[in-house]
Amino acid sequence: MFDMDHWAYELVVPRGVLQGIPLARYDWWDRTLPIFTRGTFADGTPTPRYGTLGVRSDLIGRRVKHLHHMA
């Protein structure tokens, strides 16, 4: 598995060097974190479907100029 930053996709994908792995060849699927396989944490609770960058200042009632203002 390869964890790549978003900016690298536009470099790697057009060149054809990023390929999927068939599950039959991936021996560690049962040990892969369920965040990536089922969308849950190890204890079974679902992962949140929102991100901190989705906080809108018009919805929280105060101005957000920097990320530290959201704390």
N, C-alpha and C. Protein backbone atom coordinates (compact mmCIF):
# COMPACT_ATOMS: atom_id res chain seq x y z
N MET A 1 0.85 -1.17 0.00
CA MET A 1 0.00 0.00 0.00
C MET A 1 0.90 1.24 0.00
N PHE A 2 0.37 2.27 -0.58
CA PHE A 2 1.14 3.49 -0.72
C PHE A 2 0.25 4.66 -0.33
N ASP A 3 0.67 5.40 0.66
CA ASP A 3 -0.08 6.58 1.11
C ASP A 3 0.57 7.80 0.49
N MET A 4 -0.14 8.42 -0.42
CA MET A 4 0.44 9.53 -1.15
C MET A 4 -0.39 10.79 -0.91
N ASP A 5 0.28 11.93 -0.94
CA ASP A 5 -0.42 13.20 -0.81
C ASP A 5 -1.24 13.48 -2.06
N HIS A 6 -2.28 14.31 -1.89
CA HIS A 6 -3.19 14.59 -3.01
C HIS A 6 -2.48 15.23 -4.20
N TRP A 7 -1.50 16.06 -3.94
CA TRP A 7 -0.82 16.74 -5.04
C TRP A 7 -0.08 15.76 -5.94
N ALA A 8 0.30 14.60 -5.42
CA ALA A 8 1.07 13.63 -6.19
C ALA A 8 0.20 12.84 -7.17
N TYR A 9 -1.10 12.79 -6.95
CA TYR A 9 -1.97 12.03 -7.86
C TYR A 9 -1.87 12.52 -9.29
N GLU A 10 -1.85 13.83 -9.47
CA GLU A 10 -1.80 14.35 -10.83
C GLU A 10 -0.47 14.04 -11.52
N LEU A 11 0.55 13.68 -10.76
CA LEU A 11 1.82 13.27 -11.34
C LEU A 11 1.87 11.77 -11.62
N VAL A 12 1.29 10.99 -10.73
CA VAL A 12 1.43 9.54 -10.79
C VAL A 12 0.38 8.88 -11.67
N VAL A 13 -0.86 9.28 -11.55
CA VAL A 13 -1.95 8.60 -12.27
C VAL A 13 -1.79 8.69 -13.79
N PRO A 14 -1.52 9.86 -14.39
CA PRO A 14 -1.38 9.89 -15.85
C PRO A 14 -0.21 9.05 -16.38
N ARG A 15 0.78 8.81 -15.57
CA ARG A 15 1.93 8.01 -16.02
C ARG A 15 1.66 6.51 -15.98
N GLY A 16 0.57 6.12 -15.35
CA GLY A 16 0.22 4.71 -15.30
C GLY A 16 1.01 3.89 -14.31
N VAL A 17 1.66 4.53 -13.34
CA VAL A 17 2.47 3.79 -12.38
C VAL A 17 1.69 3.43 -11.11
N LEU A 18 0.49 3.96 -10.95
CA LEU A 18 -0.36 3.63 -9.80
C LEU A 18 -1.34 2.55 -10.23
N GLN A 19 -1.27 1.40 -9.59
CA GLN A 19 -2.11 0.28 -9.97
C GLN A 19 -2.81 -0.27 -8.75
N GLY A 20 -3.99 -0.76 -8.95
CA GLY A 20 -4.72 -1.43 -7.88
C GLY A 20 -4.16 -2.81 -7.61
N ILE A 21 -4.41 -3.33 -6.41
CA ILE A 21 -3.95 -4.66 -6.04
C ILE A 21 -5.18 -5.55 -5.90
N PRO A 22 -5.27 -6.66 -6.62
CA PRO A 22 -6.39 -7.57 -6.44
C PRO A 22 -6.39 -8.13 -5.01
N LEU A 23 -7.54 -8.18 -4.38
CA LEU A 23 -7.61 -8.66 -2.99
C LEU A 23 -7.10 -10.08 -2.84
N ALA A 24 -7.21 -10.88 -3.88
CA ALA A 24 -6.71 -12.25 -3.80
C ALA A 24 -5.19 -12.29 -3.62
N ARG A 25 -4.50 -11.26 -4.04
CA ARG A 25 -3.05 -11.22 -3.89
C ARG A 25 -2.61 -10.47 -2.64
N TYR A 26 -3.53 -9.83 -1.95
CA TYR A 26 -3.18 -9.04 -0.77
C TYR A 26 -3.40 -9.89 0.47
N ASP A 27 -2.31 -10.40 1.04
CA ASP A 27 -2.37 -11.37 2.14
C ASP A 27 -2.77 -10.75 3.47
N TRP A 28 -2.65 -9.45 3.65
CA TRP A 28 -2.90 -8.81 4.94
C TRP A 28 -4.25 -8.13 5.02
N TRP A 29 -5.19 -8.48 4.17
CA TRP A 29 -6.50 -7.81 4.17
C TRP A 29 -7.20 -7.95 5.52
N ASP A 30 -7.07 -9.10 6.16
CA ASP A 30 -7.72 -9.30 7.46
C ASP A 30 -7.08 -8.47 8.56
N ARG A 31 -5.87 -7.98 8.36
CA ARG A 31 -5.19 -7.14 9.35
C ARG A 31 -5.23 -5.65 9.00
N THR A 32 -5.89 -5.31 7.90
CA THR A 32 -6.01 -3.91 7.49
C THR A 32 -7.03 -3.22 8.39
N LEU A 33 -6.72 -2.00 8.78
CA LEU A 33 -7.63 -1.27 9.66
C LEU A 33 -9.01 -1.14 9.04
N PRO A 34 -10.07 -1.34 9.84
CA PRO A 34 -11.42 -1.26 9.29
C PRO A 34 -11.80 0.15 8.83
N ILE A 35 -11.00 1.16 9.18
CA ILE A 35 -11.27 2.51 8.66
C ILE A 35 -11.21 2.47 7.14
N PHE A 36 -10.30 1.70 6.59
CA PHE A 36 -10.11 1.63 5.15
C PHE A 36 -10.97 0.57 4.49
N THR A 37 -11.45 -0.43 5.24
CA THR A 37 -12.19 -1.53 4.63
C THR A 37 -13.69 -1.39 4.81
N ARG A 38 -14.14 -1.01 6.03
CA ARG A 38 -15.57 -0.92 6.32
C ARG A 38 -16.04 0.48 6.71
N GLY A 39 -15.10 1.40 6.92
CA GLY A 39 -15.48 2.75 7.33
C GLY A 39 -15.83 2.85 8.80
N THR A 40 -15.25 1.97 9.63
CA THR A 40 -15.48 2.00 11.07
C THR A 40 -14.15 1.98 11.79
N PHE A 41 -14.18 2.38 13.05
CA PHE A 41 -13.00 2.24 13.89
C PHE A 41 -12.91 0.80 14.38
N ALA A 42 -11.81 0.44 15.04
CA ALA A 42 -11.60 -0.94 15.48
C ALA A 42 -12.68 -1.40 16.45
N ASP A 43 -13.27 -0.47 17.22
CA ASP A 43 -14.32 -0.87 18.16
C ASP A 43 -15.71 -0.94 17.52
N GLY A 44 -15.81 -0.65 16.21
CA GLY A 44 -17.08 -0.77 15.51
C GLY A 44 -17.83 0.54 15.32
N THR A 45 -17.40 1.61 15.97
CA THR A 45 -18.10 2.88 15.78
C THR A 45 -17.80 3.44 14.39
N PRO A 46 -18.80 4.03 13.74
CA PRO A 46 -18.57 4.54 12.38
C PRO A 46 -17.66 5.75 12.37
N THR A 47 -16.90 5.89 11.30
CA THR A 47 -16.04 7.07 11.16
C THR A 47 -16.91 8.28 10.83
N PRO A 48 -16.53 9.45 11.31
CA PRO A 48 -17.32 10.64 11.00
C PRO A 48 -17.26 10.98 9.52
N ARG A 49 -18.31 11.55 9.01
CA ARG A 49 -18.39 11.90 7.59
C ARG A 49 -18.16 13.39 7.35
N TYR A 50 -17.49 14.05 8.28
CA TYR A 50 -17.21 15.47 8.14
C TYR A 50 -15.75 15.71 8.47
N GLY A 51 -15.23 16.83 8.05
CA GLY A 51 -13.85 17.20 8.35
C GLY A 51 -13.81 18.56 9.00
N THR A 52 -12.71 18.88 9.63
CA THR A 52 -12.62 20.17 10.32
C THR A 52 -12.59 21.33 9.34
N LEU A 53 -12.12 21.10 8.13
CA LEU A 53 -12.11 22.19 7.16
C LEU A 53 -13.51 22.49 6.64
N GLY A 54 -14.48 21.66 6.96
CA GLY A 54 -15.86 21.91 6.55
C GLY A 54 -16.60 22.84 7.48
N VAL A 55 -15.96 23.31 8.56
CA VAL A 55 -16.63 24.22 9.50
C VAL A 55 -16.79 25.56 8.81
N ARG A 56 -18.02 26.05 8.78
CA ARG A 56 -18.30 27.33 8.14
C ARG A 56 -18.57 28.37 9.22
N SER A 57 -17.92 29.52 9.07
CA SER A 57 -18.07 30.57 10.08
C SER A 57 -19.49 31.09 10.15
N ASP A 58 -20.25 31.04 9.06
CA ASP A 58 -21.62 31.52 9.11
C ASP A 58 -22.53 30.57 9.89
N LEU A 59 -22.11 29.33 10.08
CA LEU A 59 -22.91 28.37 10.83
C LEU A 59 -22.54 28.30 12.30
N ILE A 60 -21.30 28.67 12.65
CA ILE A 60 -20.90 28.59 14.06
C ILE A 60 -21.01 29.92 14.78
N GLY A 61 -21.32 31.00 14.05
CA GLY A 61 -21.60 32.27 14.70
C GLY A 61 -20.39 33.12 15.03
N ARG A 62 -19.22 32.77 14.53
CA ARG A 62 -18.04 33.61 14.75
C ARG A 62 -17.10 33.48 13.57
N ARG A 63 -16.25 34.44 13.39
CA ARG A 63 -15.34 34.47 12.25
C ARG A 63 -14.17 33.51 12.47
N VAL A 64 -13.81 32.77 11.45
CA VAL A 64 -12.69 31.83 11.49
C VAL A 64 -11.68 32.28 10.45
N LYS A 65 -10.55 32.84 10.92
CA LYS A 65 -9.50 33.26 9.98
C LYS A 65 -8.37 32.24 9.92
N HIS A 66 -8.18 31.50 11.01
CA HIS A 66 -7.11 30.50 11.07
C HIS A 66 -7.67 29.25 11.73
N LEU A 67 -7.02 28.11 11.49
CA LEU A 67 -7.49 26.85 12.05
C LEU A 67 -7.53 26.86 13.57
N HIS A 68 -6.61 27.58 14.23
CA HIS A 68 -6.61 27.57 15.68
C HIS A 68 -7.83 28.30 16.25
N HIS A 69 -8.56 29.06 15.45
CA HIS A 69 -9.78 29.72 15.93
C HIS A 69 -10.94 28.73 16.11
N MET A 70 -10.82 27.55 15.54
CA MET A 70 -11.90 26.58 15.64
C MET A 70 -11.86 25.81 16.95
N ALA A 71 -10.79 25.88 17.69
CA ALA A 71 -10.69 25.13 18.94
C ALA A 71 -11.48 25.79 20.05
